[in-house]
Amino acid sequence: MRLNRTQGAAVTAVALALLFAGGAVTVASADREEEPRTPDSASADAGFARDMAVHHQQAVEMSFIVRDRTKDEEVRRLAYDIANTQANQRGMMLGWLDMWGLPKVQSGVEPMTWMGMGGSGDTGPLDGALMPGMATNAQLDELREASGREAEVLYLKLMTEHHRGGVHMAEGCVSKCSVDIERNLAQGMVDAQQSEIALMADMLRKRGA
């Protein structure tokens, strides 16, 4: 059967309408799938941001302490790099919590719960060491009282353990976090801190430690 020009135009119009409608449904569906979900307070994203902000704050503190306790430029430069990097990352993580409308401190929840482990157990934190790798209050006091090579060696040892704990936490976020930008930051932490661990091992060898 031959279609006249008017009938042919009508058929074409219907076909195009169906095509665009199907495309619109596909795009709408894709938009729904790609729309980022805001993390809730119990999520790995929020837990990592909170815990790593605290972890980073101690690294910044230790780095400022050692810069005042030694004149060694190699150690002072490393301390500056760590303090600057981790202060910036800490600001990013606290900013995400603000953006998500979540508290920066969650009462009644132990650190590392988001990783399926308690931070301090039933006995409470060990002399201020809230999470793996964190220095105790006594160790921080020792660093404040040390100077020269003694301060350098102690800082490098404490920061090596601190980084190992940080890598463990960051790897947890890489596997558990759902926000891409946060997961990417965590992977960057893993790579950078593993590199710094190797660097600090060399620095310790140079100092006979």
Protein backbone atom coordinates (compact mmCIF):
# COMPACT_ATOMS: atom_id res chain seq x y z
CA MET A 1 0.00 0.00 0.00
CA ARG A 2 1.37 3.40 -0.99
CA LEU A 3 1.18 6.26 1.49
CA ASN A 4 0.46 9.74 0.25
CA ARG A 5 2.67 12.63 1.30
CA THR A 6 0.45 13.63 4.26
CA GLN A 7 0.22 10.08 5.60
CA GLY A 8 3.99 9.63 5.21
CA ALA A 9 4.67 12.81 7.16
CA ALA A 10 2.35 11.66 9.95
CA VAL A 11 4.08 8.30 10.24
CA THR A 12 7.48 10.00 10.35
CA ALA A 13 6.30 12.39 13.06
CA VAL A 14 5.01 9.54 15.21
CA ALA A 15 8.25 7.61 14.79
CA LEU A 16 10.34 10.65 15.77
CA ALA A 17 8.12 11.32 18.78
CA LEU A 18 8.58 7.75 19.99
CA LEU A 19 12.32 7.97 19.41
CA PHE A 20 12.70 11.20 21.41
CA ALA A 21 10.44 9.89 24.15
CA GLY A 22 12.55 6.79 24.50
CA GLY A 23 15.67 8.91 24.56
CA ALA A 24 14.24 11.15 27.25
CA VAL A 25 13.41 8.15 29.43
CA THR A 26 16.94 6.83 28.95
CA VAL A 27 18.52 10.18 29.85
CA ALA A 28 16.25 10.63 32.86
CA SER A 29 17.08 7.14 34.04
CA ALA A 30 20.80 7.80 33.60
CA ASP A 31 20.50 11.06 35.53
CA ARG A 32 18.87 9.25 38.42
CA GLU A 33 21.62 6.64 38.46
CA GLU A 34 24.45 9.20 38.29
CA GLU A 35 23.00 11.60 40.83
CA PRO A 36 25.35 11.46 43.84
CA ARG A 37 23.86 10.25 47.09
CA THR A 38 24.55 12.40 50.14
CA PRO A 39 26.26 10.22 52.75
CA ASP A 40 24.55 9.75 56.10
CA SER A 41 26.24 10.08 59.46
CA ALA A 42 26.87 6.33 59.82
CA SER A 43 28.44 5.94 56.36
CA ALA A 44 32.05 5.08 55.66
CA ASP A 45 32.37 8.44 53.88
CA ALA A 46 31.43 10.40 57.00
CA GLY A 47 33.36 8.12 59.35
CA PHE A 48 36.54 8.37 57.31
CA ALA A 49 36.27 12.15 57.02
CA ARG A 50 35.83 12.53 60.78
CA ASP A 51 38.51 10.06 61.84
CA MET A 52 41.12 11.08 59.29
CA ALA A 53 40.63 14.75 60.18
CA VAL A 54 41.59 13.88 63.76
CA HIS A 55 44.45 11.65 62.59
CA HIS A 56 45.79 14.40 60.33
CA GLN A 57 45.58 16.99 63.08
CA GLN A 58 48.09 15.05 65.18
CA ALA A 59 50.47 14.74 62.22
CA VAL A 60 50.34 18.51 61.79
CA GLU A 61 50.99 18.98 65.52
CA MET A 62 54.00 16.63 65.54
CA SER A 63 55.43 18.32 62.45
CA PHE A 64 55.25 21.77 64.03
CA ILE A 65 56.87 20.43 67.20
CA VAL A 66 59.89 18.97 65.41
CA ARG A 67 60.42 22.11 63.32
CA ASP A 68 61.10 23.90 66.61
CA ARG A 69 63.32 21.12 68.00
CA THR A 70 65.86 20.71 65.19
CA LYS A 71 67.79 22.80 62.69
CA ASP A 72 68.21 19.91 60.24
CA GLU A 73 66.86 21.20 56.92
CA GLU A 74 65.95 17.74 55.57
CA VAL A 75 63.72 16.96 58.55
CA ARG A 76 62.31 20.48 58.68
CA ARG A 77 61.42 20.32 54.97
CA LEU A 78 59.69 16.95 55.40
CA ALA A 79 57.82 18.24 58.44
CA TYR A 80 56.67 21.31 56.50
CA ASP A 81 55.46 19.19 53.58
CA ILE A 82 53.52 16.83 55.87
CA ALA A 83 51.98 19.68 57.88
CA ASN A 84 50.97 21.62 54.78
CA THR A 85 49.56 18.62 52.91
CA GLN A 86 47.63 17.16 55.83
CA ALA A 87 46.25 20.53 56.98
CA ASN A 88 44.86 21.08 53.48
CA GLN A 89 43.39 17.58 53.29
CA ARG A 90 41.88 18.00 56.75
CA GLY A 91 40.18 21.19 55.58
CA MET A 92 38.73 19.35 52.59
CA MET A 93 37.29 16.56 54.73
CA LEU A 94 35.75 18.94 57.26
CA GLY A 95 34.33 20.91 54.33
CA TRP A 96 32.65 17.79 52.96
CA LEU A 97 31.04 17.13 56.34
CA ASP A 98 29.69 20.70 56.31
CA MET A 99 28.42 20.26 52.76
CA TRP A 100 26.69 17.00 53.71
CA GLY A 101 25.12 18.65 56.77
CA LEU A 102 26.82 16.16 59.12
CA PRO A 103 28.50 16.77 62.50
CA LYS A 104 32.29 16.87 62.65
CA VAL A 105 32.19 14.96 65.93
CA GLN A 106 29.80 12.06 66.57
CA SER A 107 29.29 11.38 70.25
CA GLY A 108 28.84 7.82 71.45
CA VAL A 109 30.57 6.30 68.41
CA GLU A 110 34.12 4.99 68.70
CA PRO A 111 36.70 5.84 66.03
CA MET A 112 37.08 3.29 63.23
CA THR A 113 33.54 1.95 63.67
CA TRP A 114 32.95 2.65 59.96
CA MET A 115 35.72 0.11 59.23
CA GLY A 116 34.06 -2.53 61.39
CA MET A 117 36.49 -2.10 64.25
CA GLY A 118 36.42 -0.19 67.54
CA GLY A 119 38.98 2.51 68.00
CA SER A 120 39.82 2.03 71.66
CA GLY A 121 37.83 -0.91 72.98
CA ASP A 122 36.16 -1.05 76.38
CA THR A 123 39.12 0.39 78.27
CA GLY A 124 39.16 3.74 76.51
CA PRO A 125 41.93 5.28 74.37
CA LEU A 126 45.50 4.41 75.27
CA ASP A 127 46.92 7.67 76.65
CA GLY A 128 45.35 9.77 73.91
CA ALA A 129 46.10 7.40 71.01
CA LEU A 130 42.62 7.31 69.54
CA MET A 131 43.40 5.38 66.35
CA PRO A 132 46.06 3.10 64.83
CA GLY A 133 49.40 4.84 64.41
CA MET A 134 48.58 7.82 66.60
CA ALA A 135 51.19 8.84 69.17
CA THR A 136 50.36 8.75 72.87
CA ASN A 137 50.40 11.85 75.04
CA ALA A 138 53.61 10.60 76.64
CA GLN A 139 55.28 10.26 73.22
CA LEU A 140 54.23 13.77 72.26
CA ASP A 141 55.69 15.09 75.51
CA GLU A 142 58.91 13.21 74.80
CA LEU A 143 59.10 14.82 71.35
CA ARG A 144 58.57 18.28 72.87
CA GLU A 145 61.44 17.71 75.27
CA ALA A 146 63.88 16.24 72.73
CA SER A 147 66.19 18.25 70.48
CA GLY A 148 68.62 17.78 67.62
CA ARG A 149 69.22 14.22 66.38
CA GLU A 150 67.14 12.75 69.22
CA ALA A 151 64.10 14.79 68.13
CA GLU A 152 64.68 13.93 64.48
CA VAL A 153 64.84 10.18 65.11
CA LEU A 154 61.83 10.21 67.42
CA TYR A 155 59.77 12.25 64.94
CA LEU A 156 60.67 9.96 62.04
CA LYS A 157 59.75 6.86 64.03
CA LEU A 158 56.48 8.32 65.31
CA MET A 159 55.52 9.63 61.87
CA THR A 160 56.32 6.30 60.23
CA GLU A 161 53.86 4.56 62.56
CA HIS A 162 51.39 7.41 62.08
CA HIS A 163 51.57 7.01 58.31
CA ARG A 164 51.11 3.23 58.55
CA GLY A 165 47.93 3.78 60.53
CA GLY A 166 46.83 6.43 58.05
CA VAL A 167 47.44 4.12 55.08
CA HIS A 168 45.34 1.42 56.77
CA MET A 169 42.46 3.89 57.23
CA ALA A 170 42.76 5.31 53.71
CA GLU A 171 42.72 1.82 52.19
CA GLY A 172 39.51 1.24 54.15
CA CYS A 173 37.94 4.28 52.50
CA VAL A 174 39.13 3.21 49.05
CA SER A 175 37.18 -0.04 49.49
CA LYS A 176 34.18 1.29 51.43
CA CYS A 177 33.55 4.97 50.57
CA SER A 178 30.93 5.77 47.93
CA VAL A 179 31.85 9.37 47.05
CA ASP A 180 34.31 9.32 44.15
CA ILE A 181 36.24 12.47 45.08
CA GLU A 182 36.75 11.20 48.63
CA ARG A 183 37.80 7.75 47.45
CA ASN A 184 40.28 9.39 45.07
CA LEU A 185 41.70 11.50 47.89
CA ALA A 186 42.08 8.38 50.03
CA GLN A 187 44.00 6.60 47.27
CA GLY A 188 46.23 9.65 46.95
CA MET A 189 46.92 9.44 50.69
CA VAL A 190 47.89 5.78 50.36
CA ASP A 191 50.33 6.51 47.54
CA ALA A 192 51.90 9.61 49.12
CA GLN A 193 52.24 8.21 52.62
CA GLN A 194 53.75 4.92 51.44
CA SER A 195 56.32 6.98 49.53
CA GLU A 196 57.05 9.06 52.64
CA ILE A 197 57.42 5.90 54.75
CA ALA A 198 60.20 4.76 52.38
CA LEU A 199 61.79 8.21 52.53
CA MET A 200 61.72 8.24 56.35
CA ALA A 201 63.31 4.77 56.46
CA ASP A 202 66.25 6.20 54.48
CA MET A 203 66.43 9.23 56.78
CA LEU A 204 66.51 6.98 59.83
CA ARG A 205 69.33 4.89 58.32
CA LYS A 206 71.33 8.07 57.72
CA ARG A 207 70.97 8.83 61.42
CA GLY A 208 72.00 5.32 62.46
CA ALA A 209 68.54 4.49 63.80
